Amino acid sequence: MKRLLVLVTILVLLPTAGWLQDQTHSVTLTWDPNSEPDLAGYKIYYGNSSRTYHSTVDVGNVVVQQVFGLTEGYRWYFAATAYDTAANESGYSNEVWILFGDSTVVDTLPPLPPYNLRVRE
């Protein structure tokens, strides 16, 4: 089985300007594309605890995704993976987090070894 190395970096994490019903927020995530010829797509993982994600979105072969329904007052953590046409999935990218509140805070956490990914702000 071929090991797929993720070349995904979450570059931008921006809250949207509008509010959704019942005071939830959304974010737009972007990342660098993977250059492997058999790339099939990406998955976004997110949740309220670092590296413990309760939600996954298979976004297909795009490098921008908006995530909706994020509740204020909780810290939201995000990471991405890439997968190939044989359904091999990479490890997680570096992780970013956001906290919605009186002052919205965005930060990044370093990747877990051995992925050696970078973050651009």
PDB file of N, CA and C in Angstrom:
ATOM      1  N   MET A   1       0.853  -1.176   0.000  1.00  0.00           N
ATOM      2  CA  MET A   1       0.000   0.000   0.000  1.00  0.00           C
ATOM      3  C   MET A   1       0.900   1.240   0.000  1.00  0.00           C
ATOM      4  N   LYS A   2       0.613   2.137  -0.856  1.00  0.00           N
ATOM      5  CA  LYS A   2       1.358   3.381  -0.995  1.00  0.00           C
ATOM      6  C   LYS A   2       1.015   4.319   0.159  1.00  0.00           C
ATOM      7  N   ARG A   3       2.022   4.969   0.733  1.00  0.00           N
ATOM      8  CA  ARG A   3       1.802   5.944   1.795  1.00  0.00           C
ATOM      9  C   ARG A   3       1.693   7.319   1.161  1.00  0.00           C
ATOM     10  N   LEU A   4       0.595   7.986   1.413  1.00  0.00           N
ATOM     11  CA  LEU A   4       0.349   9.310   0.850  1.00  0.00           C
ATOM     12  C   LEU A   4       0.774  10.354   1.864  1.00  0.00           C
ATOM     13  N   LEU A   5       1.690  11.221   1.489  1.00  0.00           N
ATOM     14  CA  LEU A   5       2.154  12.288   2.374  1.00  0.00           C
ATOM     15  C   LEU A   5       1.341  13.539   2.105  1.00  0.00           C
ATOM     16  N   VAL A   6       0.769  14.090   3.145  1.00  0.00           N
ATOM     17  CA  VAL A   6      -0.029  15.290   2.968  1.00  0.00           C
ATOM     18  C   VAL A   6       0.886  16.489   2.754  1.00  0.00           C
ATOM     19  N   LEU A   7       0.568  17.273   1.774  1.00  0.00           N
ATOM     20  CA  LEU A   7       1.266  18.523   1.522  1.00  0.00           C
ATOM     21  C   LEU A   7       0.293  19.670   1.728  1.00  0.00           C
ATOM     22  N   VAL A   8      -0.601  19.469   2.645  1.00  0.00           N
ATOM     23  CA  VAL A   8      -1.661  20.425   2.913  1.00  0.00           C
ATOM     24  C   VAL A   8      -1.221  21.356   4.025  1.00  0.00           C
ATOM     25  N   THR A   9      -1.420  22.630   3.821  1.00  0.00           N
ATOM     26  CA  THR A   9      -1.182  23.619   4.850  1.00  0.00           C
ATOM     27  C   THR A   9      -2.399  24.512   4.913  1.00  0.00           C
ATOM     28  N   ILE A  10      -2.973  24.651   6.080  1.00  0.00           N
ATOM     29  CA  ILE A  10      -4.087  25.576   6.204  1.00  0.00           C
ATOM     30  C   ILE A  10      -3.497  26.966   6.284  1.00  0.00           C
ATOM     31  N   LEU A  11      -3.826  27.783   5.306  1.00  0.00           N
ATOM     32  CA  LEU A  11      -3.214  29.101   5.186  1.00  0.00           C
ATOM     33  C   LEU A  11      -4.026  30.199   5.854  1.00  0.00           C
ATOM     34  N   VAL A  12      -5.309  30.166   5.698  1.00  0.00           N
ATOM     35  CA  VAL A  12      -6.138  31.275   6.137  1.00  0.00           C
ATOM     36  C   VAL A  12      -7.305  30.725   6.934  1.00  0.00           C
ATOM     37  N   LEU A  13      -7.590  31.342   8.037  1.00  0.00           N
ATOM     38  CA  LEU A  13      -8.756  30.992   8.822  1.00  0.00           C
ATOM     39  C   LEU A  13      -9.431  32.295   9.176  1.00  0.00           C
ATOM     40  N   LEU A  14     -10.520  32.604   8.475  1.00  0.00           N
ATOM     41  CA  LEU A  14     -11.167  33.899   8.635  1.00  0.00           C
ATOM     42  C   LEU A  14     -12.623  33.722   9.021  1.00  0.00           C
ATOM     43  N   PRO A  15     -13.077  34.401  10.061  1.00  0.00           N
ATOM     44  CA  PRO A  15     -14.510  34.352  10.342  1.00  0.00           C
ATOM     45  C   PRO A  15     -15.261  35.135   9.275  1.00  0.00           C
ATOM     46  N   THR A  16     -16.442  34.660   8.923  1.00  0.00           N
ATOM     47  CA  THR A  16     -17.245  35.404   7.962  1.00  0.00           C
ATOM     48  C   THR A  16     -17.887  36.597   8.656  1.00  0.00           C
ATOM     49  N   ALA A  17     -18.315  37.547   7.875  1.00  0.00           N
ATOM     50  CA  ALA A  17     -18.852  38.780   8.438  1.00  0.00           C
ATOM     51  C   ALA A  17     -20.231  38.588   9.058  1.00  0.00           C
ATOM     52  N   GLY A  18     -21.030  37.675   8.520  1.00  0.00           N
ATOM     53  CA  GLY A  18     -22.412  37.545   8.979  1.00  0.00           C
ATOM     54  C   GLY A  18     -22.592  36.510  10.062  1.00  0.00           C
ATOM     55  N   TRP A  19     -23.699  36.635  10.756  1.00  0.00           N
ATOM     56  CA  TRP A  19     -24.106  35.663  11.771  1.00  0.00           C
ATOM     57  C   TRP A  19     -25.095  34.712  11.147  1.00  0.00           C
ATOM     58  N   LEU A  20     -25.032  33.461  11.503  1.00  0.00           N
ATOM     59  CA  LEU A  20     -26.057  32.515  11.129  1.00  0.00           C
ATOM     60  C   LEU A  20     -27.091  32.499  12.245  1.00  0.00           C
ATOM     61  N   GLN A  21     -28.194  31.808  12.030  1.00  0.00           N
ATOM     62  CA  GLN A  21     -29.201  31.730  13.078  1.00  0.00           C
ATOM     63  C   GLN A  21     -28.603  31.124  14.336  1.00  0.00           C
ATOM     64  N   ASP A  22     -29.198  31.435  15.461  1.00  0.00           N
ATOM     65  CA  ASP A  22     -28.800  31.016  16.806  1.00  0.00           C
ATOM     66  C   ASP A  22     -27.315  31.226  17.101  1.00  0.00           C
ATOM     67  N   GLN A  23     -26.799  32.329  16.683  1.00  0.00           N
ATOM     68  CA  GLN A  23     -25.465  32.832  17.006  1.00  0.00           C
ATOM     69  C   GLN A  23     -24.357  31.826  16.760  1.00  0.00           C
ATOM     70  N   THR A  24     -24.357  31.246  15.582  1.00  0.00           N
ATOM     71  CA  THR A  24     -23.239  30.416  15.176  1.00  0.00           C
ATOM     72  C   THR A  24     -22.437  31.175  14.128  1.00  0.00           C
ATOM     73  N   HIS A  25     -21.222  30.712  13.901  1.00  0.00           N
ATOM     74  CA  HIS A  25     -20.303  31.372  12.975  1.00  0.00           C
ATOM     75  C   HIS A  25     -19.869  30.377  11.909  1.00  0.00           C
ATOM     76  N   SER A  26     -19.188  30.886  10.916  1.00  0.00           N
ATOM     77  CA  SER A  26     -18.551  30.036   9.914  1.00  0.00           C
ATOM     78  C   SER A  26     -17.131  30.525   9.694  1.00  0.00           C
ATOM     79  N   VAL A  27     -16.296  29.646   9.159  1.00  0.00           N
ATOM     80  CA  VAL A  27     -14.926  29.997   8.802  1.00  0.00           C
ATOM     81  C   VAL A  27     -14.669  29.513   7.383  1.00  0.00           C
ATOM     82  N   THR A  28     -13.711  30.148   6.725  1.00  0.00           N
ATOM     83  CA  THR A  28     -13.254  29.712   5.417  1.00  0.00           C
ATOM     84  C   THR A  28     -11.826  29.216   5.562  1.00  0.00           C
ATOM     85  N   LEU A  29     -11.597  27.969   5.186  1.00  0.00           N
ATOM     86  CA  LEU A  29     -10.275  27.349   5.274  1.00  0.00           C
ATOM     87  C   LEU A  29      -9.686  27.241   3.876  1.00  0.00           C
ATOM     88  N   THR A  30      -8.397  27.530   3.738  1.00  0.00           N
ATOM     89  CA  THR A  30      -7.697  27.314   2.474  1.00  0.00           C
ATOM     90  C   THR A  30      -6.383  26.609   2.773  1.00  0.00           C
ATOM     91  N   TRP A  31      -5.849  25.897   1.794  1.00  0.00           N
ATOM     92  CA  TRP A  31      -4.597  25.173   1.990  1.00  0.00           C
ATOM     93  C   TRP A  31      -3.898  25.014   0.654  1.00  0.00           C
ATOM     94  N   ASP A  32      -2.599  24.689   0.723  1.00  0.00           N
ATOM     95  CA  ASP A  32      -1.803  24.442  -0.475  1.00  0.00           C
ATOM     96  C   ASP A  32      -2.228  23.118  -1.097  1.00  0.00           C
ATOM     97  N   PRO A  33      -2.310  23.049  -2.410  1.00  0.00           N
ATOM     98  CA  PRO A  33      -2.689  21.784  -3.056  1.00  0.00           C
ATOM     99  C   PRO A  33      -1.581  20.741  -2.956  1.00  0.00           C
ATOM    100  N   ASN A  34      -1.972  19.492  -2.910  1.00  0.00           N
ATOM    101  CA  ASN A  34      -1.040  18.374  -2.948  1.00  0.00           C
ATOM    102  C   ASN A  34      -0.677  18.136  -4.406  1.00  0.00           C
ATOM    103  N   SER A  35       0.574  17.808  -4.693  1.00  0.00           N
ATOM    104  CA  SER A  35       1.010  17.684  -6.093  1.00  0.00           C
ATOM    105  C   SER A  35       1.052  16.243  -6.599  1.00  0.00           C
ATOM    106  N   GLU A  36       0.617  15.280  -5.815  1.00  0.00           N
ATOM    107  CA  GLU A  36       0.661  13.894  -6.263  1.00  0.00           C
ATOM    108  C   GLU A  36      -0.314  13.668  -7.419  1.00  0.00           C
ATOM    109  N   PRO A  37       0.088  12.945  -8.460  1.00  0.00           N
ATOM    110  CA  PRO A  37      -0.764  12.779  -9.638  1.00  0.00           C
ATOM    111  C   PRO A  37      -2.043  11.973  -9.379  1.00  0.00           C
ATOM    112  N   ASP A  38      -2.056  11.136  -8.341  1.00  0.00           N
ATOM    113  CA  ASP A  38      -3.243  10.323  -8.056  1.00  0.00           C
ATOM    114  C   ASP A  38      -4.094  10.907  -6.925  1.00  0.00           C
ATOM    115  N   LEU A  39      -3.911  12.188  -6.643  1.00  0.00           N
ATOM    116  CA  LEU A  39      -4.715  12.860  -5.624  1.00  0.00           C
ATOM    117  C   LEU A  39      -6.193  12.795  -5.997  1.00  0.00           C
ATOM    118  N   ALA A  40      -7.022  12.386  -5.041  1.00  0.00           N
ATOM    119  CA  ALA A  40      -8.463  12.332  -5.285  1.00  0.00           C
ATOM    120  C   ALA A  40      -9.203  13.429  -4.542  1.00  0.00           C
ATOM    121  N   GLY A  41      -8.671  13.871  -3.404  1.00  0.00           N
ATOM    122  CA  GLY A  41      -9.358  14.923  -2.667  1.00  0.00           C
ATOM    123  C   GLY A  41      -8.798  15.151  -1.277  1.00  0.00           C
ATOM    124  N   TYR A  42      -9.555  15.911  -0.504  1.00  0.00           N
ATOM    125  CA  TYR A  42      -9.161  16.313   0.849  1.00  0.00           C
ATOM    126  C   TYR A  42     -10.323  16.126   1.803  1.00  0.00           C
ATOM    127  N   LYS A  43      -9.979  15.952   3.071  1.00  0.00           N
ATOM    128  CA  LYS A  43     -10.978  15.925   4.133  1.00  0.00           C
ATOM    129  C   LYS A  43     -10.594  16.969   5.171  1.00  0.00           C
ATOM    130  N   ILE A  44     -11.593  17.677   5.683  1.00  0.00           N
ATOM    131  CA  ILE A  44     -11.406  18.627   6.770  1.00  0.00           C
ATOM    132  C   ILE A  44     -11.953  17.976   8.035  1.00  0.00           C
ATOM    133  N   TYR A  45     -11.152  17.989   9.087  1.00  0.00           N
ATOM    134  CA  TYR A  45     -11.554  17.468  10.399  1.00  0.00           C
ATOM    135  C   TYR A  45     -11.662  18.647  11.351  1.00  0.00           C
ATOM    136  N   TYR A  46     -12.686  18.647  12.206  1.00  0.00           N
ATOM    137  CA  TYR A  46     -12.800  19.714  13.193  1.00  0.00           C
ATOM    138  C   TYR A  46     -13.569  19.255  14.421  1.00  0.00           C
ATOM    139  N   GLY A  47     -13.278  19.962  15.521  1.00  0.00           N
ATOM    140  CA  GLY A  47     -13.924  19.657  16.795  1.00  0.00           C
ATOM    141  C   GLY A  47     -13.481  20.643  17.848  1.00  0.00           C
ATOM    142  N   ASN A  48     -13.847  20.376  19.091  1.00  0.00           N
ATOM    143  CA  ASN A  48     -13.580  21.304  20.196  1.00  0.00           C
ATOM    144  C   ASN A  48     -12.378  20.931  21.036  1.00  0.00           C
ATOM    145  N   SER A  49     -11.614  19.943  20.617  1.00  0.00           N
ATOM    146  CA  SER A  49     -10.439  19.526  21.366  1.00  0.00           C
ATOM    147  C   SER A  49      -9.314  19.241  20.379  1.00  0.00           C
ATOM    148  N   SER A  50      -8.116  19.642  20.727  1.00  0.00           N
ATOM    149  CA  SER A  50      -6.971  19.464  19.841  1.00  0.00           C
ATOM    150  C   SER A  50      -6.762  17.990  19.501  1.00  0.00           C
ATOM    151  N   ARG A  51      -6.697  17.708  18.198  1.00  0.00           N
ATOM    152  CA  ARG A  51      -6.481  16.373  17.642  1.00  0.00           C
ATOM    153  C   ARG A  51      -7.552  15.359  18.035  1.00  0.00           C
ATOM    154  N   THR A  52      -8.702  15.853  18.502  1.00  0.00           N
ATOM    155  CA  THR A  52      -9.854  15.004  18.783  1.00  0.00           C
ATOM    156  C   THR A  52     -11.028  15.611  18.038  1.00  0.00           C
ATOM    157  N   TYR A  53     -11.226  15.190  16.807  1.00  0.00           N
ATOM    158  CA  TYR A  53     -12.195  15.815  15.931  1.00  0.00           C
ATOM    159  C   TYR A  53     -13.486  14.996  15.908  1.00  0.00           C
ATOM    160  N   HIS A  54     -14.610  15.647  16.064  1.00  0.00           N
ATOM    161  CA  HIS A  54     -15.891  14.948  16.041  1.00  0.00           C
ATOM    162  C   HIS A  54     -16.623  15.115  14.708  1.00  0.00           C
ATOM    163  N   SER A  55     -16.103  15.939  13.813  1.00  0.00           N
ATOM    164  CA  SER A  55     -16.753  16.153  12.522  1.00  0.00           C
ATOM    165  C   SER A  55     -15.730  16.068  11.395  1.00  0.00           C
ATOM    166  N   THR A  56     -16.188  15.539  10.256  1.00  0.00           N
ATOM    167  CA  THR A  56     -15.353  15.411   9.067  1.00  0.00           C
ATOM    168  C   THR A  56     -16.168  15.844   7.854  1.00  0.00           C
ATOM    169  N   VAL A  57     -15.518  16.582   6.955  1.00  0.00           N
ATOM    170  CA  VAL A  57     -16.150  16.963   5.694  1.00  0.00           C
ATOM    171  C   VAL A  57     -15.224  16.529   4.565  1.00  0.00           C
ATOM    172  N   ASP A  58     -15.726  15.681   3.678  1.00  0.00           N
ATOM    173  CA  ASP A  58     -14.983  15.312   2.474  1.00  0.00           C
ATOM    174  C   ASP A  58     -15.281  16.392   1.448  1.00  0.00           C
ATOM    175  N   VAL A  59     -14.268  17.199   1.111  1.00  0.00           N
ATOM    176  CA  VAL A  59     -14.502  18.362   0.245  1.00  0.00           C
ATOM    177  C   VAL A  59     -14.164  18.091  -1.213  1.00  0.00           C
ATOM    178  N   GLY A  60     -13.706  16.890  -1.513  1.00  0.00           N
ATOM    179  CA  GLY A  60     -13.310  16.595  -2.883  1.00  0.00           C
ATOM    180  C   GLY A  60     -11.988  17.266  -3.216  1.00  0.00           C
ATOM    181  N   ASN A  61     -11.738  17.469  -4.484  1.00  0.00           N
ATOM    182  CA  ASN A  61     -10.457  18.006  -4.926  1.00  0.00           C
ATOM    183  C   ASN A  61     -10.519  19.525  -5.102  1.00  0.00           C
ATOM    184  N   VAL A  62     -10.734  20.218  -3.987  1.00  0.00           N
ATOM    185  CA  VAL A  62     -10.715  21.685  -3.940  1.00  0.00           C
ATOM    186  C   VAL A  62      -9.793  22.111  -2.800  1.00  0.00           C
ATOM    187  N   VAL A  63      -9.358  23.367  -2.803  1.00  0.00           N
ATOM    188  CA  VAL A  63      -8.447  23.836  -1.760  1.00  0.00           C
ATOM    189  C   VAL A  63      -9.042  24.975  -0.922  1.00  0.00           C
ATOM    190  N   VAL A  64     -10.360  25.126  -0.973  1.00  0.00           N
ATOM    191  CA  VAL A  64     -11.064  26.117  -0.154  1.00  0.00           C
ATOM    192  C   VAL A  64     -12.347  25.463   0.337  1.00  0.00           C
ATOM    193  N   GLN A  65     -12.658  25.634   1.613  1.00  0.00           N
ATOM    194  CA  GLN A  65     -13.900  25.084   2.140  1.00  0.00           C
ATOM    195  C   GLN A  65     -14.421  25.976   3.263  1.00  0.00           C
ATOM    196  N   GLN A  66     -15.700  26.236   3.240  1.00  0.00           N
ATOM    197  CA  GLN A  66     -16.346  26.976   4.313  1.00  0.00           C
ATOM    198  C   GLN A  66     -17.022  25.974   5.249  1.00  0.00           C
ATOM    199  N   VAL A  67     -16.842  26.187   6.561  1.00  0.00           N
ATOM    200  CA  VAL A  67     -17.447  25.332   7.584  1.00  0.00           C
ATOM    201  C   VAL A  67     -18.419  26.191   8.369  1.00  0.00           C
ATOM    202  N   PHE A  68     -19.658  25.721   8.497  1.00  0.00           N
ATOM    203  CA  PHE A  68     -20.731  26.473   9.137  1.00  0.00           C
ATOM    204  C   PHE A  68     -21.109  25.863  10.487  1.00  0.00           C
ATOM    205  N   GLY A  69     -21.862  26.640  11.253  1.00  0.00           N
ATOM    206  CA  GLY A  69     -22.469  26.125  12.476  1.00  0.00           C
ATOM    207  C   GLY A  69     -21.536  26.049  13.665  1.00  0.00           C
ATOM    208  N   LEU A  70     -20.523  26.906  13.718  1.00  0.00           N
ATOM    209  CA  LEU A  70     -19.566  26.894  14.817  1.00  0.00           C
ATOM    210  C   LEU A  70     -20.072  27.802  15.940  1.00  0.00           C
ATOM    211  N   THR A  71     -20.269  27.239  17.104  1.00  0.00           N
ATOM    212  CA  THR A  71     -20.879  27.942  18.224  1.00  0.00           C
ATOM    213  C   THR A  71     -19.889  28.866  18.921  1.00  0.00           C
ATOM    214  N   GLU A  72     -20.346  30.058  19.243  1.00  0.00           N
ATOM    215  CA  GLU A  72     -19.538  31.028  19.979  1.00  0.00           C
ATOM    216  C   GLU A  72     -19.242  30.502  21.378  1.00  0.00           C
ATOM    217  N   GLY A  73     -18.065  30.868  21.891  1.00  0.00           N
ATOM    218  CA  GLY A  73     -17.680  30.483  23.244  1.00  0.00           C
ATOM    219  C   GLY A  73     -16.901  29.185  23.315  1.00  0.00           C
ATOM    220  N   TYR A  74     -16.764  28.490  22.191  1.00  0.00           N
ATOM    221  CA  TYR A  74     -15.988  27.257  22.133  1.00  0.00           C
ATOM    222  C   TYR A  74     -14.774  27.471  21.252  1.00  0.00           C
ATOM    223  N   ARG A  75     -13.677  26.812  21.580  1.00  0.00           N
ATOM    224  CA  ARG A  75     -12.508  26.813  20.716  1.00  0.00           C
ATOM    225  C   ARG A  75     -12.709  25.710  19.680  1.00  0.00           C
ATOM    226  N   TRP A  76     -12.536  26.042  18.404  1.00  0.00           N
ATOM    227  CA  TRP A  76     -12.710  25.105  17.297  1.00  0.00           C
ATOM    228  C   TRP A  76     -11.353  24.803  16.674  1.00  0.00           C
ATOM    229  N   TYR A  77     -10.999  23.531  16.561  1.00  0.00           N
ATOM    230  CA  TYR A  77      -9.732  23.079  16.001  1.00  0.00           C
ATOM    231  C   TYR A  77      -9.983  22.463  14.623  1.00  0.00           C
ATOM    232  N   PHE A  78      -9.062  22.714  13.678  1.00  0.00           N
ATOM    233  CA  PHE A  78      -9.204  22.246  12.301  1.00  0.00           C
ATOM    234  C   PHE A  78      -7.892  21.639  11.806  1.00  0.00           C
ATOM    235  N   ALA A  79      -7.994  20.574  11.028  1.00  0.00           N
ATOM    236  CA  ALA A  79      -6.847  19.982  10.325  1.00  0.00           C
ATOM    237  C   ALA A  79      -7.374  19.388   9.024  1.00  0.00           C
ATOM    238  N   ALA A  80      -6.470  19.135   8.094  1.00  0.00           N
ATOM    239  CA  ALA A  80      -6.849  18.567   6.805  1.00  0.00           C
ATOM    240  C   ALA A  80      -6.014  17.332   6.518  1.00  0.00           C
ATOM    241  N   THR A  81      -6.556  16.451   5.689  1.00  0.00           N
ATOM    242  CA  THR A  81      -5.812  15.321   5.147  1.00  0.00           C
ATOM    243  C   THR A  81      -6.041  15.288   3.635  1.00  0.00           C
ATOM    244  N   ALA A  82      -5.161  14.590   2.948  1.00  0.00           N
ATOM    245  CA  ALA A  82      -5.330  14.337   1.518  1.00  0.00           C
ATOM    246  C   ALA A  82      -5.536  12.836   1.337  1.00  0.00           C
ATOM    247  N   TYR A  83      -6.267  12.454   0.292  1.00  0.00           N
ATOM    248  CA  TYR A  83      -6.405  11.030  -0.011  1.00  0.00           C
ATOM    249  C   TYR A  83      -6.256  10.825  -1.515  1.00  0.00           C
ATOM    250  N   ASP A  84      -5.807   9.605  -1.864  1.00  0.00           N
ATOM    251  CA  ASP A  84      -5.561   9.313  -3.275  1.00  0.00           C
ATOM    252  C   ASP A  84      -6.678   8.445  -3.862  1.00  0.00           C
ATOM    253  N   THR A  85      -6.517   8.074  -5.123  1.00  0.00           N
ATOM    254  CA  THR A  85      -7.553   7.317  -5.827  1.00  0.00           C
ATOM    255  C   THR A  85      -7.729   5.904  -5.272  1.00  0.00           C
ATOM    256  N   ALA A  86      -6.760   5.408  -4.507  1.00  0.00           N
ATOM    257  CA  ALA A  86      -6.877   4.095  -3.865  1.00  0.00           C
ATOM    258  C   ALA A  86      -7.414   4.224  -2.438  1.00  0.00           C
ATOM    259  N   ALA A  87      -7.848   5.433  -2.054  1.00  0.00           N
ATOM    260  CA  ALA A  87      -8.413   5.727  -0.726  1.00  0.00           C
ATOM    261  C   ALA A  87      -7.383   5.709   0.388  1.00  0.00           C
ATOM    262  N   ASN A  88      -6.090   5.819   0.059  1.00  0.00           N
ATOM    263  CA  ASN A  88      -5.063   5.992   1.087  1.00  0.00           C
ATOM    264  C   ASN A  88      -5.145   7.428   1.585  1.00  0.00           C
ATOM    265  N   GLU A  89      -5.176   7.602   2.891  1.00  0.00           N
ATOM    266  CA  GLU A  89      -5.315   8.940   3.471  1.00  0.00           C
ATOM    267  C   GLU A  89      -4.040   9.325   4.200  1.00  0.00           C
ATOM    268  N   SER A  90      -3.640  10.562   4.043  1.00  0.00           N
ATOM    269  CA  SER A  90      -2.432  11.071   4.704  1.00  0.00           C
ATOM    270  C   SER A  90      -2.697  11.296   6.189  1.00  0.00           C
ATOM    271  N   GLY A  91      -1.646  11.648   6.891  1.00  0.00           N
ATOM    272  CA  GLY A  91      -1.795  12.115   8.266  1.00  0.00           C
ATOM    273  C   GLY A  91      -2.364  13.521   8.264  1.00  0.00           C
ATOM    274  N   TYR A  92      -2.678  14.022   9.448  1.00  0.00           N
ATOM    275  CA  TYR A  92      -3.232  15.371   9.578  1.00  0.00           C
ATOM    276  C   TYR A  92      -2.208  16.439   9.205  1.00  0.00           C
ATOM    277  N   SER A  93      -2.701  17.521   8.671  1.00  0.00           N
ATOM    278  CA  SER A  93      -1.884  18.714   8.458  1.00  0.00           C
ATOM    279  C   SER A  93      -1.617  19.356   9.817  1.00  0.00           C
ATOM    280  N   ASN A  94      -0.914  20.488   9.797  1.00  0.00           N
ATOM    281  CA  ASN A  94      -0.837  21.274  11.009  1.00  0.00           C
ATOM    282  C   ASN A  94      -2.247  21.698  11.401  1.00  0.00           C
ATOM    283  N   GLU A  95      -2.422  22.029  12.642  1.00  0.00           N
ATOM    284  CA  GLU A  95      -3.744  22.353  13.166  1.00  0.00           C
ATOM    285  C   GLU A  95      -3.867  23.853  13.393  1.00  0.00           C
ATOM    286  N   VAL A  96      -5.040  24.392  13.092  1.00  0.00           N
ATOM    287  CA  VAL A  96      -5.347  25.780  13.425  1.00  0.00           C
ATOM    288  C   VAL A  96      -6.575  25.783  14.313  1.00  0.00           C
ATOM    289  N   TRP A  97      -6.700  26.827  15.120  1.00  0.00           N
ATOM    290  CA  TRP A  97      -7.892  26.930  15.961  1.00  0.00           C
ATOM    291  C   TRP A  97      -8.402  28.359  15.973  1.00  0.00           C
ATOM    292  N   ILE A  98      -9.680  28.470  16.314  1.00  0.00           N
ATOM    293  CA  ILE A  98     -10.322  29.773  16.404  1.00  0.00           C
ATOM    294  C   ILE A  98     -11.269  29.758  17.598  1.00  0.00           C
ATOM    295  N   LEU A  99     -11.372  30.888  18.249  1.00  0.00           N
ATOM    296  CA  LEU A  99     -12.299  31.065  19.364  1.00  0.00           C
ATOM    297  C   LEU A  99     -13.149  32.275  19.052  1.00  0.00           C
ATOM    298  N   PHE A 100     -14.460  32.085  18.920  1.00  0.00           N
ATOM    299  CA  PHE A 100     -15.381  33.179  18.672  1.00  0.00           C
ATOM    300  C   PHE A 100     -15.863  33.727  20.012  1.00  0.00           C
ATOM    301  N   GLY A 101     -15.838  35.031  20.153  1.00  0.00           N
ATOM    302  CA  GLY A 101     -16.320  35.670  21.365  1.00  0.00           C
ATOM    303  C   GLY A 101     -16.262  37.171  21.189  1.00  0.00           C
ATOM    304  N   ASP A 102     -16.070  37.889  22.306  1.00  0.00           N
ATOM    305  CA  ASP A 102     -15.970  39.346  22.236  1.00  0.00           C
ATOM    306  C   ASP A 102     -14.846  39.762  21.295  1.00  0.00           C
ATOM    307  N   SER A 103     -13.726  39.050  21.368  1.00  0.00           N
ATOM    308  CA  SER A 103     -12.610  39.251  20.446  1.00  0.00           C
ATOM    309  C   SER A 103     -12.303  37.897  19.826  1.00  0.00           C
ATOM    310  N   THR A 104     -12.474  37.767  18.523  1.00  0.00           N
ATOM    311  CA  THR A 104     -12.192  36.504  17.862  1.00  0.00           C
ATOM    312  C   THR A 104     -10.688  36.295  17.801  1.00  0.00           C
ATOM    313  N   VAL A 105     -10.240  35.105  18.193  1.00  0.00           N
ATOM    314  CA  VAL A 105      -8.816  34.772  18.243  1.00  0.00           C
ATOM    315  C   VAL A 105      -8.560  33.622  17.285  1.00  0.00           C
ATOM    316  N   VAL A 106      -7.498  33.731  16.493  1.00  0.00           N
ATOM    317  CA  VAL A 106      -7.085  32.676  15.575  1.00  0.00           C
ATOM    318  C   VAL A 106      -5.631  32.356  15.876  1.00  0.00           C
ATOM    319  N   ASP A 107      -5.296  31.072  15.934  1.00  0.00           N
ATOM    320  CA  ASP A 107      -3.912  30.685  16.197  1.00  0.00           C
ATOM    321  C   ASP A 107      -3.624  29.366  15.502  1.00  0.00           C
ATOM    322  N   THR A 108      -2.350  28.998  15.447  1.00  0.00           N
ATOM    323  CA  THR A 108      -1.939  27.741  14.832  1.00  0.00           C
ATOM    324  C   THR A 108      -1.174  26.917  15.845  1.00  0.00           C
ATOM    325  N   LEU A 109      -1.237  25.623  15.694  1.00  0.00           N
ATOM    326  CA  LEU A 109      -0.453  24.689  16.488  1.00  0.00           C
ATOM    327  C   LEU A 109       0.471  23.959  15.539  1.00  0.00           C
ATOM    328  N   PRO A 110       1.692  23.612  15.990  1.00  0.00           N
ATOM    329  CA  PRO A 110       2.621  22.936  15.078  1.00  0.00           C
ATOM    330  C   PRO A 110       2.110  21.549  14.701  1.00  0.00           C
ATOM    331  N   PRO A 111       2.565  21.040  13.557  1.00  0.00           N
ATOM    332  CA  PRO A 111       2.143  19.705  13.141  1.00  0.00           C
ATOM    333  C   PRO A 111       2.764  18.638  14.030  1.00  0.00           C
ATOM    334  N   LEU A 112       2.144  17.482  14.020  1.00  0.00           N
ATOM    335  CA  LEU A 112       2.745  16.336  14.690  1.00  0.00           C
ATOM    336  C   LEU A 112       3.829  15.772  13.790  1.00  0.00           C
ATOM    337  N   PRO A 113       4.978  15.381  14.331  1.00  0.00           N
ATOM    338  CA  PRO A 113       5.995  14.778  13.487  1.00  0.00           C
ATOM    339  C   PRO A 113       5.455  13.512  12.840  1.00  0.00           C
ATOM    340  N   PRO A 114       5.894  13.112  11.696  1.00  0.00           N
ATOM    341  CA  PRO A 114       6.983  13.631  10.881  1.00  0.00           C
ATOM    342  C   PRO A 114       6.508  14.445   9.693  1.00  0.00           C
ATOM    343  N   TYR A 115       5.416  15.116   9.777  1.00  0.00           N
ATOM    344  CA  TYR A 115       4.814  15.746   8.602  1.00  0.00           C
ATOM    345  C   TYR A 115       5.505  17.028   8.140  1.00  0.00           C
ATOM    346  N   ASN A 116       6.160  17.745   9.034  1.00  0.00           N
ATOM    347  CA  ASN A 116       6.974  18.910   8.665  1.00  0.00           C
ATOM    348  C   ASN A 116       6.248  19.891   7.754  1.00  0.00           C
ATOM    349  N   LEU A 117       5.048  20.257   8.122  1.00  0.00           N
ATOM    350  CA  LEU A 117       4.272  21.222   7.353  1.00  0.00           C
ATOM    351  C   LEU A 117       4.548  22.625   7.847  1.00  0.00           C
ATOM    352  N   ARG A 118       4.143  23.623   7.080  1.00  0.00           N
ATOM    353  CA  ARG A 118       4.377  25.008   7.463  1.00  0.00           C
ATOM    354  C   ARG A 118       3.057  25.751   7.510  1.00  0.00           C
ATOM    355  N   VAL A 119       3.047  26.845   8.237  1.00  0.00           N
ATOM    356  CA  VAL A 119       1.867  27.691   8.344  1.00  0.00           C
ATOM    357  C   VAL A 119       2.229  29.069   7.847  1.00  0.00           C
ATOM    358  N   ARG A 120       1.386  29.626   6.982  1.00  0.00           N
ATOM    359  CA  ARG A 120       1.572  31.008   6.555  1.00  0.00           C
ATOM    360  C   ARG A 120       0.413  31.813   7.105  1.00  0.00           C
ATOM    361  N   GLU A 121       0.693  32.989   7.605  1.00  0.00           N
ATOM    362  CA  GLU A 121      -0.379  33.826   8.151  1.00  0.00           C
ATOM    363  C   GLU A 121      -0.561  35.055   7.315  1.00  0.00           C
TER     364      GLU A 121
END
